[in-house]
Amino acid sequence: MKKSKILALLLAAVMVISLVGCGGSASSSTPASEPASTATSTSAPASGETTGSAARVGVFYYSFSDAFISSVRSALDEALTSAGIEYQNFDGNSSQATQNESITTALSDGYNVLLVNLVDTASVDAANAIIEQADAAGAQVIFFNRAVEGDDQEGVVLNAHENVAFVGTDAPEAGHLQGEMIGNYLSENFDTVDLNGDGKISYAMFMGQVGNVEAIYRTQYSVEDAVAILAENGHGTADDPALVYFDANNADGYQADQQGNWSAQAAMEYMQTNLSQYSEANGNMIECIIANNDNMAEGAISALQAAGYNNGEGTTTIPVFGVDATDSAKAQIANGYMTGTVEQSATGMANALLGMVQNVSSGSTMDDAVAAVVETDAELYSAAAEVPNKLYVAYSAYTGE
């Protein structure tokens, strides 16, 4: 009897040990400060090795209200959750001070991978301050979407640190694609777009944020490239362009969102004011809209529609061009209210960030992590030539066709 009891106890003990060894442990929790995010911790890695599941990821967005950023957040939430990676989202609410406070809190709470959608992109100071905090805490930083250094500062931040990377876009590419789209469209439809028949197309330009690298290049190249294409097709020259800014008194050649939010509201208010002075009746109507993002493009469309344009059903449509290819912008294009946009893949960016987290948390260097992501899709991803820890997600033109 005693022998049978002893055998039973030994058998039970073996079964428990087997279950623990095979099954690991899992738990999930939802941080109180961010109910929408999901936190999941999976089994501990083997001795001496760190895996992606051991990462505790803090994701710091410049603003939850940005339409494209909302798309990235949804895609990244899904990717991190599916991978079983613990994470928490933080809203910077367009304030670098707020974002810095969130990062300090996250580091003190033990988050070891920071995904940072930087608020202040006008200088390298904000990025360097975050890196210094992370280094002191032994954490790694992956900036994304919003550039931390300009092309004239290539590598100033990223080449100076080992535990830092950037996932974003090649800033000039969107401007070039938008300019090509605009130039081709205006060349094919010049007489229709030239409402007053003066041989020139008057355009309004809505800039997302002064000092932002992406905004600077989109503003510059969208016009320069369009002017060049128009000239090639017999409309104006480089010295006497056929595409001209509508307000000769504005030397900047753009109207910027002074809050840096790239917002529909800012563009709508600007356009409402513009339309009070520029109209077909006055012979000086704004004949083309160029916006740094789809939010601002849609804001301009709202003002145009209120003035009787871009409503379909035979009304005059002012060509409007944006960047991002958000779902709402695609719907505007499908309805004929918007002409085209430049697609930035929110899912592509989210998947790249996931790959970076998994690779660096498994012990890869930032350079190797970038190379590993590029290998997954060489058409969508590429590494910067001189900065191997900078990962680019490709843009593409979108006109709904």
Protein backbone atom coordinates (compact mmCIF):
# COMPACT_ATOMS: atom_id res chain seq x y z
CA MET A 1 0.00 0.00 0.00
CA LYS A 2 2.77 2.39 0.94
CA LYS A 3 4.69 1.41 -2.18
CA SER A 4 1.73 2.19 -4.45
CA LYS A 5 1.21 5.59 -2.79
CA ILE A 6 4.87 6.43 -3.23
CA LEU A 7 4.75 5.43 -6.89
CA ALA A 8 1.65 7.56 -7.40
CA LEU A 9 3.30 10.59 -5.84
CA LEU A 10 6.43 10.13 -7.95
CA LEU A 11 4.33 9.86 -11.10
CA ALA A 12 2.42 13.04 -10.23
CA ALA A 13 5.68 14.90 -9.61
CA VAL A 14 7.08 13.81 -12.98
CA MET A 15 3.91 14.97 -14.73
CA VAL A 16 4.10 18.42 -13.09
CA ILE A 17 7.76 18.82 -14.06
CA SER A 18 6.95 17.79 -17.64
CA LEU A 19 4.11 20.31 -17.89
CA VAL A 20 6.23 23.17 -16.58
CA GLY A 21 9.09 22.33 -18.92
CA CYS A 22 6.89 22.10 -22.01
CA GLY A 23 4.27 24.73 -21.46
CA GLY A 24 6.08 27.76 -19.99
CA SER A 25 3.94 30.55 -18.55
CA ALA A 26 1.77 33.30 -20.03
CA SER A 27 0.03 36.31 -18.62
CA SER A 28 -1.68 39.38 -19.99
CA SER A 29 -2.55 42.77 -18.59
CA THR A 30 -3.84 46.10 -19.83
CA PRO A 31 -1.98 49.20 -18.61
CA ALA A 32 -4.31 51.56 -16.78
CA SER A 33 -2.98 54.63 -18.58
CA GLU A 34 -3.70 53.20 -22.05
CA PRO A 35 -6.80 50.99 -22.07
CA ALA A 36 -6.62 50.45 -25.81
CA SER A 37 -3.22 48.77 -25.72
CA THR A 38 -2.62 45.12 -24.98
CA ALA A 39 0.26 43.80 -22.89
CA THR A 40 1.29 40.17 -23.18
CA SER A 41 4.35 38.50 -21.69
CA THR A 42 5.38 35.09 -22.97
CA SER A 43 7.74 32.45 -21.61
CA ALA A 44 11.24 33.45 -20.57
CA PRO A 45 14.05 32.83 -23.11
CA ALA A 46 16.75 30.22 -22.74
CA SER A 47 19.68 31.12 -20.52
CA GLY A 48 21.99 33.76 -22.05
CA GLU A 49 19.60 34.60 -24.91
CA THR A 50 17.01 37.35 -25.26
CA THR A 51 14.09 36.84 -27.62
CA GLY A 52 11.44 39.20 -29.01
CA SER A 53 9.02 37.95 -26.37
CA ALA A 54 11.27 39.37 -23.65
CA ALA A 55 10.90 42.88 -25.04
CA ARG A 56 8.81 45.41 -23.14
CA VAL A 57 7.92 47.97 -25.76
CA GLY A 58 6.86 51.57 -25.19
CA VAL A 59 5.36 53.16 -28.31
CA PHE A 60 5.42 56.95 -28.25
CA TYR A 61 3.28 58.67 -30.88
CA TYR A 62 3.58 62.36 -31.62
CA SER A 63 -0.22 62.60 -31.78
CA PHE A 64 -3.01 60.05 -31.77
CA SER A 65 -5.15 62.50 -33.78
CA ASP A 66 -3.04 62.31 -36.95
CA ALA A 67 -4.89 60.19 -39.52
CA PHE A 68 -1.86 58.35 -40.89
CA ILE A 69 -0.42 57.80 -37.43
CA SER A 70 -3.76 56.30 -36.38
CA SER A 71 -3.39 53.81 -39.23
CA VAL A 72 0.13 52.95 -38.10
CA ARG A 73 -1.04 52.55 -34.51
CA SER A 74 -3.82 50.15 -35.48
CA ALA A 75 -1.48 48.06 -37.62
CA LEU A 76 1.27 48.05 -35.00
CA ASP A 77 -1.14 47.14 -32.18
CA GLU A 78 -2.25 44.14 -34.20
CA ALA A 79 1.31 43.12 -35.11
CA LEU A 80 2.68 43.35 -31.57
CA THR A 81 -0.34 41.61 -30.07
CA SER A 82 -0.14 38.75 -32.60
CA ALA A 83 3.56 38.34 -31.81
CA GLY A 84 2.86 38.15 -28.06
CA ILE A 85 4.97 41.21 -27.28
CA GLU A 86 4.16 43.38 -24.27
CA TYR A 87 3.65 47.01 -25.21
CA GLN A 88 2.03 50.25 -24.17
CA ASN A 89 1.04 53.25 -26.29
CA PHE A 90 1.62 56.86 -25.27
CA ASP A 91 0.11 59.99 -26.85
CA GLY A 92 2.53 62.91 -27.10
CA ASN A 93 -0.38 65.19 -27.97
CA SER A 94 2.01 67.24 -30.17
CA SER A 95 4.12 68.20 -27.13
CA GLN A 96 7.76 67.18 -26.85
CA ALA A 97 7.64 67.84 -23.11
CA THR A 98 4.72 65.44 -22.75
CA GLN A 99 6.50 62.80 -24.80
CA ASN A 100 9.68 63.20 -22.75
CA GLU A 101 7.73 62.71 -19.51
CA SER A 102 6.14 59.55 -20.89
CA ILE A 103 9.54 58.19 -21.89
CA THR A 104 10.98 58.89 -18.44
CA THR A 105 8.06 57.07 -16.83
CA ALA A 106 8.32 54.10 -19.20
CA LEU A 107 12.04 53.69 -18.60
CA SER A 108 11.54 53.76 -14.84
CA ASP A 109 8.85 51.10 -15.29
CA GLY A 110 11.29 48.80 -17.07
CA TYR A 111 10.39 49.22 -20.74
CA ASN A 112 13.49 48.23 -22.67
CA VAL A 113 12.60 49.02 -26.31
CA LEU A 114 11.30 52.49 -27.17
CA LEU A 115 9.53 53.08 -30.50
CA VAL A 116 9.48 56.87 -30.82
CA ASN A 117 7.44 58.92 -33.28
CA LEU A 118 9.27 62.13 -32.38
CA VAL A 119 7.31 65.34 -31.80
CA ASP A 120 10.07 67.90 -32.33
CA THR A 121 11.80 67.23 -35.64
CA ALA A 122 13.21 70.73 -36.15
CA SER A 123 16.59 69.87 -34.58
CA VAL A 124 18.55 66.86 -33.34
CA ASP A 125 18.35 67.97 -29.70
CA ALA A 126 15.09 66.17 -28.87
CA ALA A 127 16.32 62.89 -30.35
CA ASN A 128 19.67 63.09 -28.58
CA ALA A 129 18.02 63.77 -25.22
CA ILE A 130 15.85 60.66 -25.59
CA ILE A 131 18.84 58.55 -26.61
CA GLU A 132 20.81 59.68 -23.56
CA GLN A 133 17.92 58.67 -21.26
CA ALA A 134 17.60 55.29 -22.94
CA ASP A 135 21.34 54.61 -22.82
CA ALA A 136 21.41 55.32 -19.10
CA ALA A 137 18.57 52.82 -18.60
CA GLY A 138 20.04 50.18 -20.92
CA ALA A 139 17.14 50.51 -23.38
CA GLN A 140 17.13 50.58 -27.18
CA VAL A 141 15.47 53.29 -29.30
CA ILE A 142 13.86 52.91 -32.71
CA PHE A 143 12.61 56.22 -34.05
CA PHE A 144 9.95 56.01 -36.74
CA ASN A 145 7.98 58.04 -39.28
CA ARG A 146 9.26 61.49 -38.29
CA ALA A 147 12.89 62.18 -39.20
CA VAL A 148 15.46 62.77 -36.47
CA GLU A 149 18.02 64.35 -38.82
CA GLY A 150 17.95 66.14 -42.15
CA ASP A 151 19.70 64.98 -45.31
CA ASP A 152 22.36 67.61 -44.68
CA GLN A 153 22.88 66.01 -41.25
CA GLU A 154 22.93 62.41 -42.46
CA GLY A 155 24.22 60.17 -39.69
CA VAL A 156 24.71 62.94 -37.13
CA VAL A 157 22.36 61.14 -34.74
CA LEU A 158 22.08 57.60 -36.07
CA ASN A 159 25.75 56.92 -36.78
CA ALA A 160 26.74 58.23 -33.36
CA HIS A 161 24.92 55.56 -31.35
CA GLU A 162 24.83 51.74 -31.39
CA ASN A 163 21.42 51.11 -29.81
CA VAL A 164 19.47 53.43 -32.10
CA ALA A 165 17.73 53.02 -35.47
CA PHE A 166 15.18 54.77 -37.66
CA VAL A 167 12.25 53.30 -39.59
CA GLY A 168 10.61 55.72 -41.98
CA THR A 169 10.71 56.97 -45.53
CA ASP A 170 13.23 58.56 -47.84
CA ALA A 171 11.97 62.12 -47.37
CA PRO A 172 12.50 63.46 -50.92
CA GLU A 173 10.75 60.46 -52.52
CA ALA A 174 7.23 61.59 -51.65
CA GLY A 175 7.87 65.07 -53.06
CA HIS A 176 9.25 63.65 -56.30
CA LEU A 177 6.33 61.24 -56.72
CA GLN A 178 3.80 63.96 -55.96
CA GLY A 179 5.52 66.35 -58.37
CA GLU A 180 5.50 63.74 -61.14
CA MET A 181 1.82 63.07 -60.53
CA ILE A 182 0.94 66.77 -60.58
CA GLY A 183 3.07 67.55 -63.63
CA ASN A 184 1.58 64.72 -65.68
CA TYR A 185 -2.00 65.52 -64.68
CA LEU A 186 -1.70 69.24 -65.41
CA SER A 187 0.04 68.59 -68.72
CA GLU A 188 -2.82 66.34 -69.82
CA ASN A 189 -5.57 68.65 -68.54
CA PHE A 190 -3.97 72.09 -68.77
CA ASP A 191 -6.73 73.97 -70.59
CA THR A 192 -9.44 72.53 -68.33
CA VAL A 193 -7.56 73.38 -65.14
CA ASP A 194 -6.56 76.88 -66.35
CA LEU A 195 -9.93 78.38 -65.44
CA ASN A 196 -9.12 81.97 -66.45
CA GLY A 197 -7.16 80.99 -69.56
CA ASP A 198 -4.06 83.03 -68.67
CA GLY A 199 -1.63 80.22 -69.53
CA LYS A 200 -0.69 79.62 -65.90
CA ILE A 201 -2.01 77.34 -63.17
CA SER A 202 -2.34 79.06 -59.79
CA TYR A 203 -1.74 76.69 -56.89
CA ALA A 204 -2.09 76.75 -53.11
CA MET A 205 0.40 74.81 -50.99
CA PHE A 206 -0.38 73.55 -47.49
CA MET A 207 2.71 72.68 -45.45
CA GLY A 208 2.41 70.33 -42.51
CA GLN A 209 5.13 71.64 -40.23
CA VAL A 210 7.82 74.25 -40.61
CA GLY A 211 11.27 72.69 -40.15
CA ASN A 212 10.07 69.11 -40.68
CA VAL A 213 12.26 67.30 -43.21
CA GLU A 214 9.38 65.49 -44.93
CA ALA A 215 7.37 68.71 -45.16
CA ILE A 216 10.32 70.62 -46.60
CA TYR A 217 10.99 68.12 -49.37
CA ARG A 218 7.33 67.57 -50.22
CA THR A 219 6.86 71.31 -50.52
CA GLN A 220 9.98 71.75 -52.65
CA TYR A 221 9.98 68.81 -55.03
CA SER A 222 6.25 68.61 -55.67
CA VAL A 223 6.46 72.04 -57.31
CA GLU A 224 9.94 71.79 -58.87
CA ASP A 225 9.25 68.47 -60.55
CA ALA A 226 5.78 69.50 -61.72
CA VAL A 227 7.20 72.71 -63.25
CA ALA A 228 9.87 70.68 -65.08
CA ILE A 229 7.33 68.22 -66.50
CA LEU A 230 5.04 71.04 -67.60
CA ALA A 231 7.96 72.73 -69.37
CA GLU A 232 8.82 69.47 -71.14
CA ASN A 233 5.25 69.41 -72.42
CA GLY A 234 5.31 72.97 -73.72
CA HIS A 235 3.79 74.79 -70.74
CA GLY A 236 6.10 77.49 -69.43
CA THR A 237 9.81 77.27 -68.68
CA ALA A 238 12.02 77.00 -65.60
CA ASP A 239 12.42 80.79 -65.65
CA ASP A 240 8.78 81.51 -66.46
CA PRO A 241 6.89 78.55 -64.94
CA ALA A 242 3.33 77.66 -65.84
CA LEU A 243 2.67 76.61 -62.23
CA VAL A 244 2.68 79.66 -59.94
CA TYR A 245 1.82 80.25 -56.28
CA PHE A 246 -1.54 82.00 -56.04
CA ASP A 247 -0.41 84.80 -53.70
CA ALA A 248 2.46 86.84 -55.14
CA ASN A 249 2.89 88.59 -51.78
CA ASN A 250 3.73 85.34 -49.98
CA ALA A 251 7.45 84.83 -50.55
CA ASP A 252 7.39 81.44 -48.76
CA GLY A 253 5.06 79.89 -51.28
CA TYR A 254 3.08 77.94 -48.70
CA GLN A 255 0.68 78.17 -45.76
CA ALA A 256 1.86 76.09 -42.80
CA ASP A 257 0.05 74.50 -39.90
CA GLN A 258 1.48 76.66 -37.14
CA GLN A 259 0.73 73.94 -34.56
CA GLY A 260 2.70 71.40 -36.57
CA ASN A 261 -0.24 68.99 -36.65
CA TRP A 262 -0.61 68.67 -40.44
CA SER A 263 -4.32 69.13 -39.72
CA ALA A 264 -7.41 69.29 -41.91
CA GLN A 265 -8.67 72.16 -39.76
CA ALA A 266 -5.65 74.35 -40.52
CA ALA A 267 -5.92 73.78 -44.28
CA MET A 268 -9.68 74.32 -44.27
CA GLU A 269 -9.37 77.65 -42.45
CA TYR A 270 -6.60 78.82 -44.76
CA MET A 271 -8.61 77.82 -47.82
CA GLN A 272 -11.76 79.52 -46.58
CA THR A 273 -9.81 82.76 -46.20
CA ASN A 274 -8.18 82.30 -49.61
CA LEU A 275 -11.54 81.78 -51.31
CA SER A 276 -12.88 84.99 -49.86
CA GLN A 277 -10.34 86.84 -52.02
CA TYR A 278 -9.60 84.49 -54.91
CA SER A 279 -12.47 83.33 -57.11
CA GLU A 280 -13.55 82.65 -60.65
CA ALA A 281 -15.57 85.85 -60.54
CA ASN A 282 -12.40 87.82 -59.79
CA GLY A 283 -10.47 85.97 -62.47
CA ASN A 284 -7.85 84.78 -60.00
CA MET A 285 -9.25 81.46 -58.78
CA ILE A 286 -6.87 78.98 -57.12
CA GLU A 287 -6.70 76.23 -59.73
CA CYS A 288 -4.74 73.48 -57.98
CA ILE A 289 -4.19 72.36 -54.39
CA ILE A 290 -0.97 70.68 -53.21
CA ALA A 291 -0.94 69.39 -49.64
CA ASN A 292 1.85 67.76 -47.64
CA ASN A 293 -0.56 65.10 -46.39
CA ASP A 294 -4.08 63.82 -46.93
CA ASN A 295 -5.41 65.46 -43.78
CA MET A 296 -4.63 68.89 -45.16
CA ALA A 297 -5.83 67.90 -48.64
CA GLU A 298 -9.21 66.92 -47.18
CA GLY A 299 -9.42 70.14 -45.20
CA ALA A 300 -8.94 72.10 -48.42
CA ILE A 301 -11.58 69.96 -50.14
CA SER A 302 -14.07 70.78 -47.37
CA ALA A 303 -13.57 74.50 -48.04
CA LEU A 304 -13.86 73.99 -51.80
CA GLN A 305 -17.08 72.02 -51.42
CA ALA A 306 -18.59 74.71 -49.23
CA ALA A 307 -17.82 77.17 -52.05
CA GLY A 308 -19.51 74.94 -54.66
CA TYR A 309 -16.51 73.04 -56.03
CA ASN A 310 -15.45 69.35 -55.95
CA ASN A 311 -18.96 68.09 -55.27
CA GLY A 312 -19.29 65.93 -58.37
CA GLU A 313 -22.54 66.09 -60.36
CA GLY A 314 -21.09 68.43 -62.96
CA THR A 315 -19.54 70.99 -60.64
CA THR A 316 -16.04 72.28 -61.33
CA THR A 317 -13.37 70.15 -59.68
CA ILE A 318 -10.15 71.76 -58.55
CA PRO A 319 -7.37 69.15 -58.66
CA VAL A 320 -6.19 68.28 -55.15
CA PHE A 321 -3.08 66.22 -54.32
CA GLY A 322 -1.98 64.81 -50.96
CA VAL A 323 0.34 62.26 -49.37
CA ASP A 324 -0.36 59.11 -47.29
CA ALA A 325 -3.24 57.38 -49.14
CA THR A 326 -5.38 57.15 -46.02
CA ASP A 327 -8.65 55.27 -46.35
CA SER A 328 -10.64 58.50 -46.31
CA ALA A 329 -8.42 60.00 -49.03
CA LYS A 330 -8.90 56.91 -51.18
CA ALA A 331 -12.65 57.36 -50.77
CA GLN A 332 -12.34 61.03 -51.83
CA ILE A 333 -10.45 59.94 -54.95
CA ALA A 334 -13.02 57.23 -55.70
CA ASN A 335 -15.78 59.84 -55.46
CA GLY A 336 -13.94 62.22 -57.78
CA TYR A 337 -13.37 64.91 -55.12
CA MET A 338 -9.58 64.42 -54.90
CA THR A 339 -7.14 63.77 -57.75
CA GLY A 340 -4.27 61.76 -56.30
CA THR A 341 -2.02 61.00 -53.38
CA VAL A 342 1.27 59.30 -52.55
CA GLU A 343 0.83 56.06 -50.66
CA GLN A 344 2.78 55.49 -47.48
CA SER A 345 2.23 51.97 -46.19
CA ALA A 346 1.06 51.99 -42.57
CA THR A 347 1.10 48.19 -42.52
CA GLY A 348 4.55 48.12 -44.07
CA MET A 349 5.85 50.47 -41.39
CA ALA A 350 4.20 48.46 -38.60
CA ASN A 351 5.65 45.19 -39.88
CA ALA A 352 9.09 46.77 -40.18
CA LEU A 353 8.89 47.97 -36.57
CA LEU A 354 7.82 44.51 -35.42
CA GLY A 355 10.75 42.93 -37.27
CA MET A 356 13.15 45.43 -35.72
CA VAL A 357 11.85 44.72 -32.21
CA GLN A 358 12.12 40.97 -32.67
CA ASN A 359 15.62 41.12 -34.11
CA VAL A 360 17.22 43.54 -31.67
CA SER A 361 15.56 41.79 -28.73
CA SER A 362 17.16 38.54 -29.94
CA GLY A 363 20.59 40.10 -29.77
CA SER A 364 21.02 41.51 -33.30
CA THR A 365 22.75 44.82 -33.81
CA MET A 366 20.60 47.61 -35.22
CA ASP A 367 22.43 47.35 -38.57
CA ASP A 368 21.78 43.61 -38.78
CA ALA A 369 18.16 44.09 -37.75
CA VAL A 370 17.65 46.54 -40.61
CA ALA A 371 19.29 44.13 -43.05
CA ALA A 372 17.04 41.30 -41.83
CA VAL A 373 13.89 43.35 -42.43
CA VAL A 374 15.08 44.35 -45.92
CA GLU A 375 15.52 40.66 -46.75
CA THR A 376 11.83 40.04 -46.04
CA ASP A 377 10.71 42.37 -48.87
CA ALA A 378 13.39 44.13 -50.92
CA GLU A 379 10.78 45.98 -53.00
CA LEU A 380 9.16 47.59 -49.97
CA TYR A 381 12.20 48.06 -47.72
CA SER A 382 15.72 49.40 -48.21
CA ALA A 383 18.58 50.64 -46.05
CA ALA A 384 20.13 54.09 -46.40
CA ALA A 385 23.46 53.86 -48.23
CA GLU A 386 25.53 55.77 -45.68
CA VAL A 387 23.45 54.99 -42.58
CA PRO A 388 22.89 51.22 -42.26
CA ASN A 389 20.65 51.61 -39.20
CA LYS A 390 18.16 53.69 -41.19
CA LEU A 391 15.36 51.63 -42.76
CA TYR A 392 13.23 53.07 -45.56
CA VAL A 393 9.66 52.03 -46.39
CA ALA A 394 8.93 52.80 -50.05
CA TYR A 395 6.28 55.21 -51.29
CA SER A 396 4.08 54.69 -54.36
CA ALA A 397 1.72 56.88 -56.38
CA TYR A 398 -2.02 56.38 -55.90
CA THR A 399 -4.77 57.72 -58.17
CA GLY A 400 -7.33 54.98 -57.62
CA GLU A 401 -6.72 53.42 -61.03
